[in-house]
Amino acid sequence: MVVDNINIRLIDEQATVAFGNALAQAVVNELKSGIVAYLHGDLGAGKTTLTRGFVQGLGHSGKVKSPTYTLVEPYELGEWQAYHFDLYRLSDPEELEFMGIRDYFNDNACCFIEWPERGVGVLPEADISIYLQYNEEQRDVEIVAHTSKGRALLAVLGECY
């Protein structure tokens, strides 16, 4: 069955980290290829928390922080690379060209991009978009697939959630 989107509710921060971890396991064990994920949501909606779960799911044991001031935080994890971008402070998409943005995207790279609308015209197409929004103390999450790789990933996640 082809899955274009799934909706889940994450009850707390631990559930958000666990979802990021499940996403990492699906990428490594099933997809076996890097992904591009756009993250959407208000400040504090859980974008960095989800990314932390993903990066830890790839084997990182250190701190995972928001790259609000650096634009990107890289994580080299054996054969995998994870890049967490936060484009909130980006004033012009051309700035991404100056930082060599295209060098970050390859078959073993998992790129999570907060505020992707600020990089329109420069960023590659997302495999998935993840929309996080508050629902009282919980988070409602919608994951939308944009590519065949994204649909394959959602098919695996759909079995878990």
N, C-alpha and C. Protein backbone atom coordinates (compact mmCIF):
# COMPACT_ATOMS: atom_id res chain seq x y z
N MET A 1 0.84 -1.18 0.00
CA MET A 1 0.00 0.00 0.00
C MET A 1 0.89 1.25 0.00
N VAL A 2 0.57 2.22 -0.84
CA VAL A 2 1.31 3.47 -0.92
C VAL A 2 0.80 4.42 0.15
N VAL A 3 1.72 4.95 0.94
CA VAL A 3 1.35 5.86 2.02
C VAL A 3 1.96 7.23 1.71
N ASP A 4 1.09 8.23 1.63
CA ASP A 4 1.56 9.59 1.36
C ASP A 4 1.67 10.44 2.62
N ASN A 5 0.95 10.06 3.68
CA ASN A 5 1.08 10.79 4.94
C ASN A 5 0.59 9.91 6.09
N ILE A 6 1.15 10.20 7.26
CA ILE A 6 0.68 9.57 8.48
C ILE A 6 0.57 10.65 9.55
N ASN A 7 -0.34 10.43 10.48
CA ASN A 7 -0.56 11.35 11.59
C ASN A 7 -0.39 10.58 12.88
N ILE A 8 0.35 11.17 13.81
CA ILE A 8 0.54 10.54 15.11
C ILE A 8 0.47 11.60 16.20
N ARG A 9 0.23 11.14 17.41
CA ARG A 9 0.26 12.03 18.56
C ARG A 9 1.41 11.59 19.46
N LEU A 10 2.25 12.54 19.82
CA LEU A 10 3.37 12.29 20.72
C LEU A 10 3.01 12.90 22.06
N ILE A 11 3.00 12.06 23.10
CA ILE A 11 2.45 12.52 24.38
C ILE A 11 3.40 13.38 25.20
N ASP A 12 4.72 13.27 24.93
CA ASP A 12 5.66 14.07 25.69
C ASP A 12 7.01 14.10 24.98
N GLU A 13 7.99 14.73 25.63
CA GLU A 13 9.32 14.86 25.04
C GLU A 13 9.95 13.50 24.76
N GLN A 14 9.79 12.56 25.67
CA GLN A 14 10.37 11.23 25.48
C GLN A 14 9.76 10.54 24.26
N ALA A 15 8.46 10.73 24.04
CA ALA A 15 7.81 10.15 22.87
C ALA A 15 8.34 10.79 21.58
N THR A 16 8.65 12.07 21.63
CA THR A 16 9.20 12.78 20.47
C THR A 16 10.59 12.25 20.15
N VAL A 17 11.42 12.06 21.17
CA VAL A 17 12.76 11.49 20.99
C VAL A 17 12.64 10.07 20.45
N ALA A 18 11.71 9.29 21.00
CA ALA A 18 11.52 7.91 20.55
C ALA A 18 11.08 7.86 19.09
N PHE A 19 10.24 8.80 18.68
CA PHE A 19 9.83 8.85 17.27
C PHE A 19 11.03 9.16 16.38
N GLY A 20 11.86 10.11 16.77
CA GLY A 20 13.08 10.41 16.01
C GLY A 20 13.97 9.20 15.91
N ASN A 21 14.08 8.44 16.99
CA ASN A 21 14.87 7.23 17.01
C ASN A 21 14.30 6.19 16.04
N ALA A 22 12.98 6.02 16.05
CA ALA A 22 12.32 5.08 15.13
C ALA A 22 12.54 5.49 13.69
N LEU A 23 12.52 6.78 13.43
CA LEU A 23 12.78 7.28 12.08
C LEU A 23 14.20 6.93 11.65
N ALA A 24 15.17 7.10 12.55
CA ALA A 24 16.56 6.75 12.24
C ALA A 24 16.69 5.26 11.95
N GLN A 25 16.05 4.43 12.75
CA GLN A 25 16.13 2.99 12.53
C GLN A 25 15.51 2.60 11.19
N ALA A 26 14.43 3.25 10.81
CA ALA A 26 13.80 2.98 9.51
C ALA A 26 14.74 3.37 8.37
N VAL A 27 15.43 4.50 8.51
CA VAL A 27 16.37 4.94 7.48
C VAL A 27 17.52 3.95 7.35
N VAL A 28 18.12 3.59 8.48
CA VAL A 28 19.30 2.72 8.47
C VAL A 28 18.96 1.30 8.05
N ASN A 29 17.93 0.73 8.64
CA ASN A 29 17.64 -0.69 8.44
C ASN A 29 16.79 -1.01 7.22
N GLU A 30 15.94 -0.09 6.81
CA GLU A 30 15.03 -0.37 5.70
C GLU A 30 15.37 0.44 4.45
N LEU A 31 15.49 1.73 4.61
CA LEU A 31 15.73 2.60 3.46
C LEU A 31 17.18 2.50 2.98
N LYS A 32 18.12 2.46 3.92
CA LYS A 32 19.55 2.35 3.65
C LYS A 32 20.06 3.47 2.73
N SER A 33 19.47 4.64 2.91
CA SER A 33 19.86 5.81 2.12
C SER A 33 19.50 7.05 2.93
N GLY A 34 20.28 8.10 2.72
CA GLY A 34 20.01 9.35 3.41
C GLY A 34 18.69 9.96 2.99
N ILE A 35 18.22 10.91 3.78
CA ILE A 35 16.95 11.59 3.48
C ILE A 35 17.09 13.09 3.67
N VAL A 36 16.16 13.80 3.09
CA VAL A 36 16.00 15.24 3.34
C VAL A 36 14.63 15.40 3.97
N ALA A 37 14.62 15.96 5.19
CA ALA A 37 13.37 16.17 5.92
C ALA A 37 13.22 17.64 6.24
N TYR A 38 12.09 18.20 5.85
CA TYR A 38 11.76 19.57 6.22
C TYR A 38 10.95 19.51 7.52
N LEU A 39 11.31 20.36 8.47
CA LEU A 39 10.62 20.42 9.75
C LEU A 39 9.84 21.72 9.86
N HIS A 40 8.55 21.60 10.15
CA HIS A 40 7.66 22.76 10.25
C HIS A 40 7.03 22.79 11.63
N GLY A 41 6.93 23.96 12.20
CA GLY A 41 6.28 24.11 13.50
C GLY A 41 6.74 25.38 14.18
N ASP A 42 5.92 25.84 15.09
CA ASP A 42 6.25 27.05 15.85
C ASP A 42 7.51 26.84 16.68
N LEU A 43 8.05 27.92 17.18
CA LEU A 43 9.16 27.83 18.12
C LEU A 43 8.73 26.97 19.31
N GLY A 44 9.56 26.02 19.68
CA GLY A 44 9.25 25.16 20.81
C GLY A 44 8.33 24.00 20.49
N ALA A 45 8.01 23.77 19.23
CA ALA A 45 7.07 22.70 18.86
C ALA A 45 7.69 21.30 18.93
N GLY A 46 9.02 21.22 19.02
CA GLY A 46 9.66 19.91 19.12
C GLY A 46 10.54 19.53 17.95
N LYS A 47 10.85 20.47 17.08
CA LYS A 47 11.67 20.17 15.90
C LYS A 47 13.07 19.69 16.30
N THR A 48 13.70 20.40 17.21
CA THR A 48 15.05 20.01 17.66
C THR A 48 14.98 18.73 18.49
N THR A 49 13.95 18.56 19.28
CA THR A 49 13.80 17.34 20.08
C THR A 49 13.68 16.12 19.17
N LEU A 50 12.88 16.23 18.12
CA LEU A 50 12.74 15.13 17.17
C LEU A 50 14.09 14.84 16.49
N THR A 51 14.79 15.89 16.10
CA THR A 51 16.10 15.72 15.46
C THR A 51 17.09 15.07 16.42
N ARG A 52 17.03 15.46 17.68
CA ARG A 52 17.90 14.84 18.69
C ARG A 52 17.65 13.33 18.74
N GLY A 53 16.40 12.92 18.75
CA GLY A 53 16.07 11.50 18.75
C GLY A 53 16.62 10.80 17.52
N PHE A 54 16.55 11.46 16.37
CA PHE A 54 17.06 10.87 15.14
C PHE A 54 18.58 10.70 15.22
N VAL A 55 19.28 11.75 15.60
CA VAL A 55 20.74 11.72 15.67
C VAL A 55 21.20 10.68 16.70
N GLN A 56 20.52 10.62 17.83
CA GLN A 56 20.86 9.60 18.83
C GLN A 56 20.55 8.21 18.30
N GLY A 57 19.51 8.09 17.49
CA GLY A 57 19.17 6.81 16.88
C GLY A 57 20.23 6.32 15.91
N LEU A 58 21.01 7.25 15.39
CA LEU A 58 22.13 6.89 14.50
C LEU A 58 23.39 6.55 15.30
N GLY A 59 23.33 6.72 16.63
CA GLY A 59 24.46 6.34 17.47
C GLY A 59 25.19 7.46 18.17
N HIS A 60 24.75 8.69 18.00
CA HIS A 60 25.40 9.83 18.68
C HIS A 60 25.03 9.83 20.15
N SER A 61 26.03 9.97 21.02
CA SER A 61 25.75 9.96 22.45
C SER A 61 25.95 11.32 23.11
N GLY A 62 26.44 12.28 22.37
CA GLY A 62 26.66 13.61 22.94
C GLY A 62 25.43 14.48 22.85
N LYS A 63 25.64 15.74 23.12
CA LYS A 63 24.56 16.72 23.10
C LYS A 63 24.15 17.02 21.66
N VAL A 64 22.87 17.25 21.46
CA VAL A 64 22.33 17.69 20.17
C VAL A 64 21.65 19.02 20.44
N LYS A 65 22.21 20.08 19.87
CA LYS A 65 21.68 21.41 20.14
C LYS A 65 21.12 22.04 18.88
N SER A 66 20.32 23.04 19.07
CA SER A 66 19.73 23.75 17.95
C SER A 66 20.80 24.61 17.28
N PRO A 67 20.88 24.56 15.96
CA PRO A 67 21.87 25.37 15.24
C PRO A 67 21.36 26.76 14.90
N THR A 68 20.62 27.38 15.80
CA THR A 68 20.00 28.68 15.53
C THR A 68 21.03 29.72 15.10
N TYR A 69 22.20 29.72 15.71
CA TYR A 69 23.20 30.75 15.39
C TYR A 69 24.25 30.28 14.40
N THR A 70 24.41 28.97 14.25
CA THR A 70 25.44 28.45 13.35
C THR A 70 24.87 28.01 12.00
N LEU A 71 23.58 27.97 11.85
CA LEU A 71 22.85 27.49 10.67
C LEU A 71 22.87 25.98 10.50
N VAL A 72 23.99 25.33 10.85
CA VAL A 72 24.05 23.87 10.70
C VAL A 72 24.91 23.27 11.80
N GLU A 73 24.45 22.12 12.31
CA GLU A 73 25.23 21.31 13.24
C GLU A 73 25.46 19.97 12.56
N PRO A 74 26.74 19.62 12.30
CA PRO A 74 27.04 18.34 11.65
C PRO A 74 27.31 17.23 12.67
N TYR A 75 26.93 16.02 12.29
CA TYR A 75 27.19 14.83 13.12
C TYR A 75 27.72 13.74 12.20
N GLU A 76 28.98 13.35 12.39
CA GLU A 76 29.59 12.27 11.63
C GLU A 76 29.42 11.00 12.44
N LEU A 77 28.70 10.03 11.90
CA LEU A 77 28.34 8.84 12.66
C LEU A 77 28.66 7.60 11.84
N GLY A 78 29.93 7.26 11.78
CA GLY A 78 30.36 6.11 10.98
C GLY A 78 30.11 6.37 9.51
N GLU A 79 29.35 5.49 8.89
CA GLU A 79 29.06 5.66 7.46
C GLU A 79 27.98 6.70 7.20
N TRP A 80 27.33 7.19 8.26
CA TRP A 80 26.24 8.15 8.12
C TRP A 80 26.67 9.54 8.56
N GLN A 81 26.08 10.52 7.94
CA GLN A 81 26.20 11.90 8.39
C GLN A 81 24.79 12.42 8.63
N ALA A 82 24.65 13.19 9.69
CA ALA A 82 23.38 13.87 9.95
C ALA A 82 23.70 15.36 10.03
N TYR A 83 22.86 16.15 9.39
CA TYR A 83 23.02 17.60 9.41
C TYR A 83 21.71 18.22 9.85
N HIS A 84 21.80 19.03 10.88
CA HIS A 84 20.62 19.71 11.42
C HIS A 84 20.75 21.19 11.08
N PHE A 85 19.89 21.65 10.21
CA PHE A 85 19.89 23.03 9.77
C PHE A 85 18.77 23.79 10.46
N ASP A 86 19.03 25.03 10.83
CA ASP A 86 18.00 25.93 11.34
C ASP A 86 18.15 27.23 10.57
N LEU A 87 17.21 27.47 9.67
CA LEU A 87 17.30 28.62 8.78
C LEU A 87 16.52 29.83 9.28
N TYR A 88 16.11 29.79 10.54
CA TYR A 88 15.28 30.86 11.10
C TYR A 88 15.91 32.24 10.92
N ARG A 89 17.20 32.35 11.11
CA ARG A 89 17.88 33.64 11.04
C ARG A 89 18.42 33.98 9.64
N LEU A 90 18.16 33.11 8.69
CA LEU A 90 18.63 33.34 7.32
C LEU A 90 17.87 34.52 6.71
N SER A 91 18.60 35.48 6.17
CA SER A 91 17.93 36.64 5.59
C SER A 91 17.74 36.51 4.08
N ASP A 92 18.57 35.69 3.43
CA ASP A 92 18.48 35.52 1.97
C ASP A 92 18.92 34.10 1.62
N PRO A 93 18.14 33.38 0.82
CA PRO A 93 18.52 32.02 0.45
C PRO A 93 19.90 31.91 -0.20
N GLU A 94 20.37 32.98 -0.82
CA GLU A 94 21.69 32.98 -1.45
C GLU A 94 22.81 32.70 -0.45
N GLU A 95 22.57 33.04 0.83
CA GLU A 95 23.57 32.78 1.87
C GLU A 95 23.90 31.29 1.93
N LEU A 96 22.93 30.45 1.60
CA LEU A 96 23.15 29.00 1.61
C LEU A 96 24.17 28.59 0.56
N GLU A 97 24.16 29.25 -0.58
CA GLU A 97 25.15 28.97 -1.63
C GLU A 97 26.56 29.31 -1.14
N PHE A 98 26.69 30.41 -0.40
CA PHE A 98 27.99 30.83 0.09
C PHE A 98 28.55 29.85 1.12
N MET A 99 27.68 29.17 1.86
CA MET A 99 28.14 28.20 2.85
C MET A 99 28.35 26.81 2.26
N GLY A 100 28.14 26.66 0.94
CA GLY A 100 28.35 25.38 0.28
C GLY A 100 27.28 24.36 0.59
N ILE A 101 26.03 24.80 0.62
CA ILE A 101 24.92 23.95 1.02
C ILE A 101 24.84 22.65 0.23
N ARG A 102 25.16 22.68 -1.03
CA ARG A 102 25.01 21.48 -1.88
C ARG A 102 25.95 20.35 -1.44
N ASP A 103 27.04 20.68 -0.77
CA ASP A 103 27.99 19.67 -0.31
C ASP A 103 27.44 18.80 0.82
N TYR A 104 26.38 19.24 1.45
CA TYR A 104 25.82 18.51 2.58
C TYR A 104 24.90 17.36 2.15
N PHE A 105 24.44 17.38 0.93
CA PHE A 105 23.43 16.42 0.50
C PHE A 105 24.05 15.31 -0.33
N ASN A 106 24.03 14.07 0.23
CA ASN A 106 24.54 12.91 -0.50
C ASN A 106 23.80 11.67 -0.02
N ASP A 107 24.13 10.51 -0.57
CA ASP A 107 23.38 9.29 -0.28
C ASP A 107 23.47 8.83 1.17
N ASN A 108 24.49 9.25 1.90
CA ASN A 108 24.63 8.83 3.29
C ASN A 108 24.32 9.96 4.27
N ALA A 109 23.77 11.05 3.76
CA ALA A 109 23.47 12.21 4.61
C ALA A 109 21.98 12.30 4.90
N CYS A 110 21.68 12.51 6.16
CA CYS A 110 20.31 12.74 6.60
C CYS A 110 20.23 14.20 7.03
N CYS A 111 19.49 14.99 6.29
CA CYS A 111 19.43 16.43 6.51
C CYS A 111 18.06 16.83 7.04
N PHE A 112 18.05 17.40 8.24
CA PHE A 112 16.83 17.88 8.87
C PHE A 112 16.88 19.40 8.84
N ILE A 113 15.88 20.01 8.22
CA ILE A 113 15.93 21.45 7.96
C ILE A 113 14.73 22.14 8.60
N GLU A 114 15.02 22.94 9.63
CA GLU A 114 14.00 23.78 10.25
C GLU A 114 13.86 25.07 9.45
N TRP A 115 12.65 25.55 9.32
CA TRP A 115 12.33 26.78 8.59
C TRP A 115 12.78 26.69 7.12
N PRO A 116 12.43 25.61 6.41
CA PRO A 116 12.89 25.42 5.02
C PRO A 116 12.37 26.47 4.06
N GLU A 117 11.26 27.11 4.39
CA GLU A 117 10.72 28.14 3.50
C GLU A 117 11.70 29.29 3.30
N ARG A 118 12.66 29.44 4.19
CA ARG A 118 13.66 30.52 4.06
C ARG A 118 14.77 30.15 3.08
N GLY A 119 14.78 28.91 2.61
CA GLY A 119 15.80 28.47 1.66
C GLY A 119 15.22 28.09 0.30
N VAL A 120 14.01 28.55 0.02
CA VAL A 120 13.34 28.20 -1.24
C VAL A 120 14.20 28.60 -2.43
N GLY A 121 14.28 27.69 -3.39
CA GLY A 121 15.05 27.94 -4.60
C GLY A 121 16.47 27.43 -4.52
N VAL A 122 16.94 27.14 -3.31
CA VAL A 122 18.30 26.66 -3.12
C VAL A 122 18.31 25.24 -2.55
N LEU A 123 17.39 24.95 -1.65
CA LEU A 123 17.33 23.64 -1.01
C LEU A 123 16.84 22.57 -1.99
N PRO A 124 17.32 21.33 -1.82
CA PRO A 124 16.78 20.24 -2.63
C PRO A 124 15.36 19.89 -2.17
N GLU A 125 14.66 19.16 -2.98
CA GLU A 125 13.32 18.69 -2.64
C GLU A 125 13.39 17.81 -1.38
N ALA A 126 12.40 17.95 -0.53
CA ALA A 126 12.33 17.11 0.66
C ALA A 126 11.77 15.74 0.30
N ASP A 127 12.31 14.71 0.96
CA ASP A 127 11.70 13.39 0.85
C ASP A 127 10.45 13.34 1.71
N ILE A 128 10.54 13.98 2.90
CA ILE A 128 9.39 14.08 3.79
C ILE A 128 9.33 15.48 4.40
N SER A 129 8.13 15.90 4.73
CA SER A 129 7.92 17.09 5.54
C SER A 129 7.27 16.64 6.83
N ILE A 130 7.76 17.18 7.94
CA ILE A 130 7.22 16.83 9.25
C ILE A 130 6.64 18.09 9.86
N TYR A 131 5.35 18.04 10.13
CA TYR A 131 4.63 19.18 10.71
C TYR A 131 4.32 18.85 12.17
N LEU A 132 4.84 19.68 13.08
CA LEU A 132 4.60 19.49 14.51
C LEU A 132 3.78 20.65 15.03
N GLN A 133 2.76 20.34 15.80
CA GLN A 133 1.98 21.41 16.42
C GLN A 133 1.51 20.99 17.79
N TYR A 134 1.35 21.99 18.64
CA TYR A 134 0.90 21.76 20.01
C TYR A 134 -0.53 21.23 20.02
N ASN A 135 -0.78 20.34 20.96
CA ASN A 135 -2.13 19.91 21.29
C ASN A 135 -2.13 19.76 22.81
N GLU A 136 -2.40 20.87 23.50
CA GLU A 136 -2.24 20.97 24.95
C GLU A 136 -0.79 20.65 25.30
N GLU A 137 -0.53 19.63 26.12
CA GLU A 137 0.85 19.28 26.48
C GLU A 137 1.48 18.29 25.50
N GLN A 138 0.70 17.85 24.53
CA GLN A 138 1.16 16.86 23.57
C GLN A 138 1.47 17.52 22.23
N ARG A 139 1.97 16.72 21.30
CA ARG A 139 2.25 17.22 19.96
C ARG A 139 1.52 16.35 18.94
N ASP A 140 0.86 17.00 17.99
CA ASP A 140 0.32 16.28 16.85
C ASP A 140 1.35 16.41 15.73
N VAL A 141 1.62 15.29 15.09
CA VAL A 141 2.63 15.26 14.05
C VAL A 141 2.02 14.69 12.78
N GLU A 142 2.24 15.39 11.69
CA GLU A 142 1.87 14.87 10.37
C GLU A 142 3.15 14.74 9.56
N ILE A 143 3.36 13.58 8.98
CA ILE A 143 4.52 13.35 8.12
C ILE A 143 3.99 13.14 6.72
N VAL A 144 4.47 13.95 5.78
CA VAL A 144 4.01 13.90 4.40
C VAL A 144 5.18 13.49 3.51
N ALA A 145 4.94 12.50 2.67
CA ALA A 145 5.97 12.04 1.72
C ALA A 145 5.86 12.83 0.42
N HIS A 146 7.03 13.21 -0.13
CA HIS A 146 7.08 13.94 -1.39
C HIS A 146 7.77 13.15 -2.50
N THR A 147 8.49 12.10 -2.13
CA THR A 147 9.24 11.32 -3.11
C THR A 147 8.96 9.83 -2.87
N SER A 148 9.42 9.01 -3.79
CA SER A 148 9.26 7.56 -3.60
C SER A 148 10.05 7.10 -2.36
N LYS A 149 11.18 7.71 -2.10
CA LYS A 149 11.96 7.39 -0.90
C LYS A 149 11.16 7.75 0.35
N GLY A 150 10.50 8.89 0.32
CA GLY A 150 9.68 9.31 1.44
C GLY A 150 8.50 8.37 1.65
N ARG A 151 7.86 7.92 0.57
CA ARG A 151 6.74 6.99 0.70
C ARG A 151 7.19 5.65 1.26
N ALA A 152 8.38 5.19 0.85
CA ALA A 152 8.91 3.94 1.39
C ALA A 152 9.17 4.08 2.89
N LEU A 153 9.68 5.22 3.28
CA LEU A 153 9.94 5.48 4.70
C LEU A 153 8.63 5.50 5.50
N LEU A 154 7.61 6.13 4.97
CA LEU A 154 6.32 6.18 5.67
C LEU A 154 5.67 4.80 5.75
N ALA A 155 5.89 3.98 4.76
CA ALA A 155 5.35 2.64 4.82
C ALA A 155 5.93 1.88 6.00
N VAL A 156 7.22 2.04 6.24
CA VAL A 156 7.88 1.39 7.39
C VAL A 156 7.38 2.01 8.69
N LEU A 157 7.33 3.33 8.76
CA LEU A 157 6.85 3.99 9.99
C LEU A 157 5.40 3.67 10.28
N GLY A 158 4.60 3.55 9.24
CA GLY A 158 3.18 3.24 9.41
C GLY A 158 2.95 1.92 10.12
N GLU A 159 3.90 1.01 10.01
CA GLU A 159 3.79 -0.29 10.71
C GLU A 159 4.03 -0.12 12.20
N CYS A 160 4.79 0.92 12.58
CA CYS A 160 5.13 1.15 13.98
C CYS A 160 4.14 2.07 14.69
N TYR A 161 3.50 2.95 13.92
CA TYR A 161 2.64 3.98 14.54
C TYR A 161 1.23 3.86 14.04
